[in-house]
Amino acid sequence: MNAPKFDEGRLMQVLVAPIVSEKATMVAEKSNAVTFKVLQGATKHEIKAAVELLFKVEVKGVSVVNTKGKTKRFGKTVGRRDNVRKAYVLLKEGQELNLSGEAA
């Protein structure tokens, strides 16, 4: 099975930011998965290729969640949070990804 070829410039933009929260940390400890905020139009294959390219790790699988933005009030005005697409990237056994910035 041939791996699809992706534009390297596009792959550099697919991962927007890592998500560092209590839930993301628990998932990381429990199932060796890392959570990222990704572009709305990103596919699972693009996310996998981007993580492997940027962090030099092997990816076992990718799960994607679309979260709709909430409507919130700010005093008199009504605002809306952005829609977010999150990717849970499962790493293969023995692979590790350190996002805390500490020297290993």
PDB file of N, CA and C in Angstrom:
ATOM      1  N   MET A   1       0.838  -1.183   0.000  1.00  0.00           N
ATOM      2  CA  MET A   1       0.000   0.000   0.000  1.00  0.00           C
ATOM      3  C   MET A   1       0.876   1.236   0.000  1.00  0.00           C
ATOM      4  N   ASN A   2       0.724   2.090  -0.974  1.00  0.00           N
ATOM      5  CA  ASN A   2       1.534   3.294  -1.091  1.00  0.00           C
ATOM      6  C   ASN A   2       0.982   4.411  -0.228  1.00  0.00           C
ATOM      7  N   ALA A   3       1.885   5.102   0.457  1.00  0.00           N
ATOM      8  CA  ALA A   3       1.469   6.241   1.268  1.00  0.00           C
ATOM      9  C   ALA A   3       1.180   7.424   0.353  1.00  0.00           C
ATOM     10  N   PRO A   4       0.071   8.131   0.569  1.00  0.00           N
ATOM     11  CA  PRO A   4      -0.237   9.281  -0.289  1.00  0.00           C
ATOM     12  C   PRO A   4       0.778  10.404  -0.073  1.00  0.00           C
ATOM     13  N   LYS A   5       1.064  11.140  -1.129  1.00  0.00           N
ATOM     14  CA  LYS A   5       2.015  12.248  -1.066  1.00  0.00           C
ATOM     15  C   LYS A   5       1.250  13.539  -0.760  1.00  0.00           C
ATOM     16  N   PHE A   6       1.755  14.306   0.194  1.00  0.00           N
ATOM     17  CA  PHE A   6       1.137  15.564   0.575  1.00  0.00           C
ATOM     18  C   PHE A   6       2.135  16.692   0.362  1.00  0.00           C
ATOM     19  N   ASP A   7       1.619  17.885   0.130  1.00  0.00           N
ATOM     20  CA  ASP A   7       2.441  19.076   0.013  1.00  0.00           C
ATOM     21  C   ASP A   7       3.022  19.407   1.388  1.00  0.00           C
ATOM     22  N   GLU A   8       4.333  19.532   1.468  1.00  0.00           N
ATOM     23  CA  GLU A   8       4.984  19.754   2.758  1.00  0.00           C
ATOM     24  C   GLU A   8       4.586  21.092   3.373  1.00  0.00           C
ATOM     25  N   GLY A   9       4.346  22.117   2.545  1.00  0.00           N
ATOM     26  CA  GLY A   9       3.891  23.410   3.051  1.00  0.00           C
ATOM     27  C   GLY A   9       2.532  23.304   3.717  1.00  0.00           C
ATOM     28  N   ARG A  10       1.634  22.513   3.118  1.00  0.00           N
ATOM     29  CA  ARG A  10       0.309  22.302   3.703  1.00  0.00           C
ATOM     30  C   ARG A  10       0.425  21.555   5.037  1.00  0.00           C
ATOM     31  N   LEU A  11       1.299  20.550   5.101  1.00  0.00           N
ATOM     32  CA  LEU A  11       1.461  19.762   6.326  1.00  0.00           C
ATOM     33  C   LEU A  11       1.980  20.618   7.473  1.00  0.00           C
ATOM     34  N   MET A  12       2.774  21.629   7.164  1.00  0.00           N
ATOM     35  CA  MET A  12       3.299  22.515   8.210  1.00  0.00           C
ATOM     36  C   MET A  12       2.190  23.371   8.826  1.00  0.00           C
ATOM     37  N   GLN A  13       1.075  23.567   8.097  1.00  0.00           N
ATOM     38  CA  GLN A  13      -0.016  24.396   8.588  1.00  0.00           C
ATOM     39  C   GLN A  13      -1.149  23.601   9.211  1.00  0.00           C
ATOM     40  N   VAL A  14      -1.165  22.275   9.035  1.00  0.00           N
ATOM     41  CA  VAL A  14      -2.286  21.455   9.502  1.00  0.00           C
ATOM     42  C   VAL A  14      -2.416  21.498  11.020  1.00  0.00           C
ATOM     43  N   LEU A  15      -1.312  21.352  11.740  1.00  0.00           N
ATOM     44  CA  LEU A  15      -1.346  21.389  13.202  1.00  0.00           C
ATOM     45  C   LEU A  15      -1.303  22.841  13.661  1.00  0.00           C
ATOM     46  N   VAL A  16      -2.387  23.295  14.306  1.00  0.00           N
ATOM     47  CA  VAL A  16      -2.467  24.690  14.745  1.00  0.00           C
ATOM     48  C   VAL A  16      -1.779  24.859  16.094  1.00  0.00           C
ATOM     49  N   ALA A  17      -2.127  24.000  17.068  1.00  0.00           N
ATOM     50  CA  ALA A  17      -1.550  24.119  18.408  1.00  0.00           C
ATOM     51  C   ALA A  17      -1.797  22.832  19.183  1.00  0.00           C
ATOM     52  N   PRO A  18      -0.905  22.506  20.110  1.00  0.00           N
ATOM     53  CA  PRO A  18      -1.196  21.375  21.003  1.00  0.00           C
ATOM     54  C   PRO A  18      -2.230  21.801  22.036  1.00  0.00           C
ATOM     55  N   ILE A  19      -3.051  20.878  22.463  1.00  0.00           N
ATOM     56  CA  ILE A  19      -4.036  21.160  23.496  1.00  0.00           C
ATOM     57  C   ILE A  19      -3.500  20.600  24.807  1.00  0.00           C
ATOM     58  N   VAL A  20      -3.260  21.495  25.759  1.00  0.00           N
ATOM     59  CA  VAL A  20      -2.745  21.096  27.060  1.00  0.00           C
ATOM     60  C   VAL A  20      -3.832  21.395  28.080  1.00  0.00           C
ATOM     61  N   SER A  21      -4.571  20.366  28.462  1.00  0.00           N
ATOM     62  CA  SER A  21      -5.639  20.508  29.446  1.00  0.00           C
ATOM     63  C   SER A  21      -5.605  19.278  30.348  1.00  0.00           C
ATOM     64  N   GLU A  22      -6.445  19.293  31.350  1.00  0.00           N
ATOM     65  CA  GLU A  22      -6.489  18.151  32.264  1.00  0.00           C
ATOM     66  C   GLU A  22      -6.933  16.885  31.536  1.00  0.00           C
ATOM     67  N   LYS A  23      -7.949  17.015  30.694  1.00  0.00           N
ATOM     68  CA  LYS A  23      -8.445  15.861  29.946  1.00  0.00           C
ATOM     69  C   LYS A  23      -7.385  15.350  28.963  1.00  0.00           C
ATOM     70  N   ALA A  24      -6.721  16.249  28.260  1.00  0.00           N
ATOM     71  CA  ALA A  24      -5.699  15.847  27.297  1.00  0.00           C
ATOM     72  C   ALA A  24      -4.530  15.150  27.987  1.00  0.00           C
ATOM     73  N   THR A  25      -4.172  15.614  29.173  1.00  0.00           N
ATOM     74  CA  THR A  25      -3.090  14.994  29.933  1.00  0.00           C
ATOM     75  C   THR A  25      -3.479  13.600  30.392  1.00  0.00           C
ATOM     76  N   MET A  26      -4.727  13.426  30.831  1.00  0.00           N
ATOM     77  CA  MET A  26      -5.190  12.103  31.264  1.00  0.00           C
ATOM     78  C   MET A  26      -5.199  11.121  30.091  1.00  0.00           C
ATOM     79  N   VAL A  27      -5.634  11.574  28.919  1.00  0.00           N
ATOM     80  CA  VAL A  27      -5.644  10.724  27.724  1.00  0.00           C
ATOM     81  C   VAL A  27      -4.223  10.349  27.332  1.00  0.00           C
ATOM     82  N   ALA A  28      -3.298  11.301  27.454  1.00  0.00           N
ATOM     83  CA  ALA A  28      -1.902  11.048  27.097  1.00  0.00           C
ATOM     84  C   ALA A  28      -1.283   9.991  28.001  1.00  0.00           C
ATOM     85  N   GLU A  29      -1.562  10.060  29.286  1.00  0.00           N
ATOM     86  CA  GLU A  29      -1.007   9.084  30.232  1.00  0.00           C
ATOM     87  C   GLU A  29      -1.636   7.709  30.058  1.00  0.00           C
ATOM     88  N   LYS A  30      -2.930   7.694  29.771  1.00  0.00           N
ATOM     89  CA  LYS A  30      -3.666   6.437  29.710  1.00  0.00           C
ATOM     90  C   LYS A  30      -3.421   5.661  28.412  1.00  0.00           C
ATOM     91  N   SER A  31      -3.420   6.355  27.271  1.00  0.00           N
ATOM     92  CA  SER A  31      -3.391   5.628  26.004  1.00  0.00           C
ATOM     93  C   SER A  31      -2.283   6.085  25.049  1.00  0.00           C
ATOM     94  N   ASN A  32      -1.283   6.812  25.544  1.00  0.00           N
ATOM     95  CA  ASN A  32      -0.158   7.272  24.716  1.00  0.00           C
ATOM     96  C   ASN A  32      -0.657   8.059  23.506  1.00  0.00           C
ATOM     97  N   ALA A  33      -1.588   8.990  23.748  1.00  0.00           N
ATOM     98  CA  ALA A  33      -2.152   9.829  22.686  1.00  0.00           C
ATOM     99  C   ALA A  33      -1.842  11.294  22.975  1.00  0.00           C
ATOM    100  N   VAL A  34      -1.654  12.063  21.911  1.00  0.00           N
ATOM    101  CA  VAL A  34      -1.391  13.492  22.029  1.00  0.00           C
ATOM    102  C   VAL A  34      -2.533  14.225  21.345  1.00  0.00           C
ATOM    103  N   THR A  35      -2.966  15.351  21.918  1.00  0.00           N
ATOM    104  CA  THR A  35      -4.105  16.089  21.392  1.00  0.00           C
ATOM    105  C   THR A  35      -3.644  17.389  20.740  1.00  0.00           C
ATOM    106  N   PHE A  36      -4.156  17.650  19.525  1.00  0.00           N
ATOM    107  CA  PHE A  36      -3.817  18.859  18.789  1.00  0.00           C
ATOM    108  C   PHE A  36      -5.074  19.563  18.312  1.00  0.00           C
ATOM    109  N   LYS A  37      -5.002  20.893  18.217  1.00  0.00           N
ATOM    110  CA  LYS A  37      -6.010  21.674  17.503  1.00  0.00           C
ATOM    111  C   LYS A  37      -5.539  21.713  16.058  1.00  0.00           C
ATOM    112  N   VAL A  38      -6.423  21.361  15.114  1.00  0.00           N
ATOM    113  CA  VAL A  38      -6.026  21.275  13.704  1.00  0.00           C
ATOM    114  C   VAL A  38      -6.946  22.143  12.845  1.00  0.00           C
ATOM    115  N   LEU A  39      -6.555  22.337  11.581  1.00  0.00           N
ATOM    116  CA  LEU A  39      -7.377  23.090  10.645  1.00  0.00           C
ATOM    117  C   LEU A  39      -8.719  22.414  10.427  1.00  0.00           C
ATOM    118  N   GLN A  40      -9.749  23.195  10.119  1.00  0.00           N
ATOM    119  CA  GLN A  40     -11.094  22.652   9.909  1.00  0.00           C
ATOM    120  C   GLN A  40     -11.138  21.670   8.742  1.00  0.00           C
ATOM    121  N   GLY A  41     -10.367  21.905   7.705  1.00  0.00           N
ATOM    122  CA  GLY A  41     -10.420  21.053   6.526  1.00  0.00           C
ATOM    123  C   GLY A  41      -9.399  19.930   6.518  1.00  0.00           C
ATOM    124  N   ALA A  42      -8.696  19.710   7.621  1.00  0.00           N
ATOM    125  CA  ALA A  42      -7.639  18.690   7.666  1.00  0.00           C
ATOM    126  C   ALA A  42      -8.239  17.285   7.730  1.00  0.00           C
ATOM    127  N   THR A  43      -7.643  16.368   6.983  1.00  0.00           N
ATOM    128  CA  THR A  43      -8.082  14.976   7.005  1.00  0.00           C
ATOM    129  C   THR A  43      -7.207  14.182   7.966  1.00  0.00           C
ATOM    130  N   LYS A  44      -7.656  12.977   8.302  1.00  0.00           N
ATOM    131  CA  LYS A  44      -6.887  12.122   9.207  1.00  0.00           C
ATOM    132  C   LYS A  44      -5.522  11.780   8.616  1.00  0.00           C
ATOM    133  N   HIS A  45      -5.484  11.530   7.304  1.00  0.00           N
ATOM    134  CA  HIS A  45      -4.221  11.178   6.657  1.00  0.00           C
ATOM    135  C   HIS A  45      -3.242  12.348   6.690  1.00  0.00           C
ATOM    136  N   GLU A  46      -3.752  13.570   6.492  1.00  0.00           N
ATOM    137  CA  GLU A  46      -2.889  14.751   6.560  1.00  0.00           C
ATOM    138  C   GLU A  46      -2.357  14.963   7.974  1.00  0.00           C
ATOM    139  N   ILE A  47      -3.200  14.759   8.973  1.00  0.00           N
ATOM    140  CA  ILE A  47      -2.787  14.937  10.364  1.00  0.00           C
ATOM    141  C   ILE A  47      -1.695  13.937  10.720  1.00  0.00           C
ATOM    142  N   LYS A  48      -1.879  12.691  10.305  1.00  0.00           N
ATOM    143  CA  LYS A  48      -0.882  11.651  10.567  1.00  0.00           C
ATOM    144  C   LYS A  48       0.447  12.003   9.909  1.00  0.00           C
ATOM    145  N   ALA A  49       0.399  12.410   8.646  1.00  0.00           N
ATOM    146  CA  ALA A  49       1.619  12.762   7.929  1.00  0.00           C
ATOM    147  C   ALA A  49       2.303  13.979   8.562  1.00  0.00           C
ATOM    148  N   ALA A  50       1.522  14.955   9.025  1.00  0.00           N
ATOM    149  CA  ALA A  50       2.088  16.163   9.637  1.00  0.00           C
ATOM    150  C   ALA A  50       2.796  15.845  10.942  1.00  0.00           C
ATOM    151  N   VAL A  51       2.189  15.004  11.779  1.00  0.00           N
ATOM    152  CA  VAL A  51       2.809  14.650  13.062  1.00  0.00           C
ATOM    153  C   VAL A  51       4.094  13.859  12.811  1.00  0.00           C
ATOM    154  N   GLU A  52       4.052  12.926  11.868  1.00  0.00           N
ATOM    155  CA  GLU A  52       5.251  12.137  11.573  1.00  0.00           C
ATOM    156  C   GLU A  52       6.359  13.013  10.995  1.00  0.00           C
ATOM    157  N   LEU A  53       6.001  14.012  10.193  1.00  0.00           N
ATOM    158  CA  LEU A  53       6.993  14.897   9.594  1.00  0.00           C
ATOM    159  C   LEU A  53       7.613  15.840  10.630  1.00  0.00           C
ATOM    160  N   LEU A  54       6.772  16.466  11.450  1.00  0.00           N
ATOM    161  CA  LEU A  54       7.259  17.480  12.377  1.00  0.00           C
ATOM    162  C   LEU A  54       7.962  16.914  13.606  1.00  0.00           C
ATOM    163  N   PHE A  55       7.464  15.789  14.132  1.00  0.00           N
ATOM    164  CA  PHE A  55       7.986  15.286  15.404  1.00  0.00           C
ATOM    165  C   PHE A  55       8.810  14.009  15.267  1.00  0.00           C
ATOM    166  N   LYS A  56       8.919  13.461  14.053  1.00  0.00           N
ATOM    167  CA  LYS A  56       9.722  12.259  13.795  1.00  0.00           C
ATOM    168  C   LYS A  56       9.326  11.093  14.699  1.00  0.00           C
ATOM    169  N   VAL A  57       8.016  10.831  14.790  1.00  0.00           N
ATOM    170  CA  VAL A  57       7.487   9.700  15.556  1.00  0.00           C
ATOM    171  C   VAL A  57       6.587   8.871  14.641  1.00  0.00           C
ATOM    172  N   GLU A  58       6.293   7.633  15.054  1.00  0.00           N
ATOM    173  CA  GLU A  58       5.390   6.774  14.291  1.00  0.00           C
ATOM    174  C   GLU A  58       3.996   6.861  14.891  1.00  0.00           C
ATOM    175  N   VAL A  59       2.992   7.051  14.032  1.00  0.00           N
ATOM    176  CA  VAL A  59       1.612   7.227  14.468  1.00  0.00           C
ATOM    177  C   VAL A  59       0.838   5.939  14.218  1.00  0.00           C
ATOM    178  N   LYS A  60       0.116   5.504  15.244  1.00  0.00           N
ATOM    179  CA  LYS A  60      -0.716   4.305  15.128  1.00  0.00           C
ATOM    180  C   LYS A  60      -2.081   4.635  14.537  1.00  0.00           C
ATOM    181  N   GLY A  61      -2.694   5.735  14.979  1.00  0.00           N
ATOM    182  CA  GLY A  61      -4.011   6.114  14.484  1.00  0.00           C
ATOM    183  C   GLY A  61      -4.368   7.534  14.866  1.00  0.00           C
ATOM    184  N   VAL A  62      -5.414   8.047  14.213  1.00  0.00           N
ATOM    185  CA  VAL A  62      -5.871   9.417  14.459  1.00  0.00           C
ATOM    186  C   VAL A  62      -7.386   9.411  14.621  1.00  0.00           C
ATOM    187  N   SER A  63      -7.875  10.056  15.681  1.00  0.00           N
ATOM    188  CA  SER A  63      -9.307  10.267  15.879  1.00  0.00           C
ATOM    189  C   SER A  63      -9.555  11.771  15.846  1.00  0.00           C
ATOM    190  N   VAL A  64     -10.658  12.172  15.217  1.00  0.00           N
ATOM    191  CA  VAL A  64     -10.943  13.595  15.054  1.00  0.00           C
ATOM    192  C   VAL A  64     -12.297  13.918  15.682  1.00  0.00           C
ATOM    193  N   VAL A  65     -12.357  15.065  16.379  1.00  0.00           N
ATOM    194  CA  VAL A  65     -13.584  15.535  17.017  1.00  0.00           C
ATOM    195  C   VAL A  65     -13.848  16.967  16.568  1.00  0.00           C
ATOM    196  N   ASN A  66     -15.070  17.244  16.099  1.00  0.00           N
ATOM    197  CA  ASN A  66     -15.486  18.606  15.769  1.00  0.00           C
ATOM    198  C   ASN A  66     -16.327  19.141  16.915  1.00  0.00           C
ATOM    199  N   THR A  67     -15.897  20.249  17.512  1.00  0.00           N
ATOM    200  CA  THR A  67     -16.620  20.861  18.616  1.00  0.00           C
ATOM    201  C   THR A  67     -17.198  22.183  18.140  1.00  0.00           C
ATOM    202  N   LYS A  68     -18.505  22.334  18.255  1.00  0.00           N
ATOM    203  CA  LYS A  68     -19.145  23.584  17.843  1.00  0.00           C
ATOM    204  C   LYS A  68     -18.934  24.655  18.901  1.00  0.00           C
ATOM    205  N   GLY A  69     -18.731  25.896  18.447  1.00  0.00           N
ATOM    206  CA  GLY A  69     -18.502  27.007  19.353  1.00  0.00           C
ATOM    207  C   GLY A  69     -19.769  27.406  20.090  1.00  0.00           C
ATOM    208  N   LYS A  70     -19.602  27.756  21.348  1.00  0.00           N
ATOM    209  CA  LYS A  70     -20.737  28.181  22.162  1.00  0.00           C
ATOM    210  C   LYS A  70     -21.065  29.647  21.920  1.00  0.00           C
ATOM    211  N   THR A  71     -22.322  29.991  22.120  1.00  0.00           N
ATOM    212  CA  THR A  71     -22.739  31.391  22.123  1.00  0.00           C
ATOM    213  C   THR A  71     -22.604  31.893  23.559  1.00  0.00           C
ATOM    214  N   LYS A  72     -21.873  32.983  23.741  1.00  0.00           N
ATOM    215  CA  LYS A  72     -21.624  33.514  25.085  1.00  0.00           C
ATOM    216  C   LYS A  72     -21.979  34.995  25.111  1.00  0.00           C
ATOM    217  N   ARG A  73     -22.352  35.472  26.287  1.00  0.00           N
ATOM    218  CA  ARG A  73     -22.647  36.897  26.459  1.00  0.00           C
ATOM    219  C   ARG A  73     -21.434  37.584  27.074  1.00  0.00           C
ATOM    220  N   PHE A  74     -21.156  38.791  26.578  1.00  0.00           N
ATOM    221  CA  PHE A  74     -20.117  39.632  27.136  1.00  0.00           C
ATOM    222  C   PHE A  74     -20.780  40.967  27.470  1.00  0.00           C
ATOM    223  N   GLY A  75     -21.396  41.030  28.642  1.00  0.00           N
ATOM    224  CA  GLY A  75     -22.164  42.220  29.006  1.00  0.00           C
ATOM    225  C   GLY A  75     -23.420  42.295  28.148  1.00  0.00           C
ATOM    226  N   LYS A  76     -23.581  43.399  27.410  1.00  0.00           N
ATOM    227  CA  LYS A  76     -24.753  43.567  26.552  1.00  0.00           C
ATOM    228  C   LYS A  76     -24.629  42.800  25.242  1.00  0.00           C
ATOM    229  N   THR A  77     -23.410  42.619  24.787  1.00  0.00           N
ATOM    230  CA  THR A  77     -23.209  42.013  23.471  1.00  0.00           C
ATOM    231  C   THR A  77     -23.177  40.489  23.552  1.00  0.00           C
ATOM    232  N   VAL A  78     -23.620  39.870  22.467  1.00  0.00           N
ATOM    233  CA  VAL A  78     -23.591  38.413  22.368  1.00  0.00           C
ATOM    234  C   VAL A  78     -22.468  38.045  21.419  1.00  0.00           C
ATOM    235  N   GLY A  79     -21.604  37.153  21.889  1.00  0.00           N
ATOM    236  CA  GLY A  79     -20.476  36.714  21.073  1.00  0.00           C
ATOM    237  C   GLY A  79     -20.550  35.213  20.838  1.00  0.00           C
ATOM    238  N   ARG A  80     -19.644  34.728  20.034  1.00  0.00           N
ATOM    239  CA  ARG A  80     -19.622  33.305  19.730  1.00  0.00           C
ATOM    240  C   ARG A  80     -18.178  32.838  19.705  1.00  0.00           C
ATOM    241  N   ARG A  81     -17.930  31.703  20.364  1.00  0.00           N
ATOM    242  CA  ARG A  81     -16.600  31.094  20.307  1.00  0.00           C
ATOM    243  C   ARG A  81     -16.426  30.392  18.968  1.00  0.00           C
ATOM    244  N   ASP A  82     -15.198  30.202  18.571  1.00  0.00           N
ATOM    245  CA  ASP A  82     -14.904  29.547  17.305  1.00  0.00           C
ATOM    246  C   ASP A  82     -15.196  28.051  17.380  1.00  0.00           C
ATOM    247  N   ASN A  83     -15.539  27.474  16.232  1.00  0.00           N
ATOM    248  CA  ASN A  83     -15.615  26.029  16.118  1.00  0.00           C
ATOM    249  C   ASN A  83     -14.191  25.476  16.162  1.00  0.00           C
ATOM    250  N   VAL A  84     -14.019  24.323  16.807  1.00  0.00           N
ATOM    251  CA  VAL A  84     -12.692  23.743  16.980  1.00  0.00           C
ATOM    252  C   VAL A  84     -12.696  22.314  16.462  1.00  0.00           C
ATOM    253  N   ARG A  85     -11.652  21.942  15.744  1.00  0.00           N
ATOM    254  CA  ARG A  85     -11.450  20.562  15.300  1.00  0.00           C
ATOM    255  C   ARG A  85     -10.231  20.044  16.058  1.00  0.00           C
ATOM    256  N   LYS A  86     -10.450  18.986  16.860  1.00  0.00           N
ATOM    257  CA  LYS A  86      -9.380  18.414  17.658  1.00  0.00           C
ATOM    258  C   LYS A  86      -8.994  17.056  17.100  1.00  0.00           C
ATOM    259  N   ALA A  87      -7.715  16.757  17.161  1.00  0.00           N
ATOM    260  CA  ALA A  87      -7.221  15.459  16.707  1.00  0.00           C
ATOM    261  C   ALA A  87      -6.524  14.767  17.874  1.00  0.00           C
ATOM    262  N   TYR A  88      -6.946  13.543  18.170  1.00  0.00           N
ATOM    263  CA  TYR A  88      -6.275  12.696  19.144  1.00  0.00           C
ATOM    264  C   TYR A  88      -5.373  11.756  18.357  1.00  0.00           C
ATOM    265  N   VAL A  89      -4.066  11.917  18.494  1.00  0.00           N
ATOM    266  CA  VAL A  89      -3.089  11.154  17.723  1.00  0.00           C
ATOM    267  C   VAL A  89      -2.510  10.074  18.623  1.00  0.00           C
ATOM    268  N   LEU A  90      -2.790   8.797  18.302  1.00  0.00           N
ATOM    269  CA  LEU A  90      -2.258   7.676  19.059  1.00  0.00           C
ATOM    270  C   LEU A  90      -0.892   7.315  18.512  1.00  0.00           C
ATOM    271  N   LEU A  91       0.084   7.255  19.403  1.00  0.00           N
ATOM    272  CA  LEU A  91       1.448   6.920  19.005  1.00  0.00           C
ATOM    273  C   LEU A  91       1.679   5.422  19.201  1.00  0.00           C
ATOM    274  N   LYS A  92       2.565   4.858  18.385  1.00  0.00           N
ATOM    275  CA  LYS A  92       2.899   3.445  18.499  1.00  0.00           C
ATOM    276  C   LYS A  92       3.663   3.203  19.790  1.00  0.00           C
ATOM    277  N   GLU A  93       3.716   1.931  20.206  1.00  0.00           N
ATOM    278  CA  GLU A  93       4.420   1.551  21.432  1.00  0.00           C
ATOM    279  C   GLU A  93       5.881   1.989  21.359  1.00  0.00           C
ATOM    280  N   GLY A  94       6.378   2.535  22.452  1.00  0.00           N
ATOM    281  CA  GLY A  94       7.763   2.966  22.520  1.00  0.00           C
ATOM    282  C   GLY A  94       7.993   4.374  21.995  1.00  0.00           C
ATOM    283  N   GLN A  95       7.001   4.977  21.349  1.00  0.00           N
ATOM    284  CA  GLN A  95       7.136   6.338  20.832  1.00  0.00           C
ATOM    285  C   GLN A  95       6.702   7.323  21.911  1.00  0.00           C
ATOM    286  N   GLU A  96       7.359   8.475  21.950  1.00  0.00           N
ATOM    287  CA  GLU A  96       7.032   9.475  22.962  1.00  0.00           C
ATOM    288  C   GLU A  96       7.134  10.856  22.346  1.00  0.00           C
ATOM    289  N   LEU A  97       6.216  11.732  22.740  1.00  0.00           N
ATOM    290  CA  LEU A  97       6.200  13.102  22.243  1.00  0.00           C
ATOM    291  C   LEU A  97       6.105  14.031  23.433  1.00  0.00           C
ATOM    292  N   ASN A  98       7.134  14.863  23.639  1.00  0.00           N
ATOM    293  CA  ASN A  98       7.180  15.754  24.798  1.00  0.00           C
ATOM    294  C   ASN A  98       6.847  17.167  24.356  1.00  0.00           C
ATOM    295  N   LEU A  99       5.684  17.680  24.755  1.00  0.00           N
ATOM    296  CA  LEU A  99       5.261  19.031  24.384  1.00  0.00           C
ATOM    297  C   LEU A  99       5.503  20.046  25.479  1.00  0.00           C
ATOM    298  N   SER A 100       6.027  19.618  26.629  1.00  0.00           N
ATOM    299  CA  SER A 100       6.186  20.542  27.762  1.00  0.00           C
ATOM    300  C   SER A 100       7.365  21.477  27.591  1.00  0.00           C
ATOM    301  N   GLY A 101       8.265  21.197  26.649  1.00  0.00           N
ATOM    302  CA  GLY A 101       9.397  22.085  26.410  1.00  0.00           C
ATOM    303  C   GLY A 101      10.593  21.799  27.299  1.00  0.00           C
ATOM    304  N   GLU A 102      10.499  20.792  28.173  1.00  0.00           N
ATOM    305  CA  GLU A 102      11.617  20.448  29.036  1.00  0.00           C
ATOM    306  C   GLU A 102      12.655  19.650  28.250  1.00  0.00           C
ATOM    307  N   ALA A 103      13.892  19.805  28.612  1.00  0.00           N
ATOM    308  CA  ALA A 103      14.950  19.026  27.965  1.00  0.00           C
ATOM    309  C   ALA A 103      14.887  17.592  28.463  1.00  0.00           C
ATOM    310  N   ALA A 104      14.980  16.656  27.547  1.00  0.00           N
ATOM    311  CA  ALA A 104      14.874  15.241  27.935  1.00  0.00           C
ATOM    312  C   ALA A 104      16.181  14.712  28.458  1.00  0.00           C
TER     313      ALA A 104
END
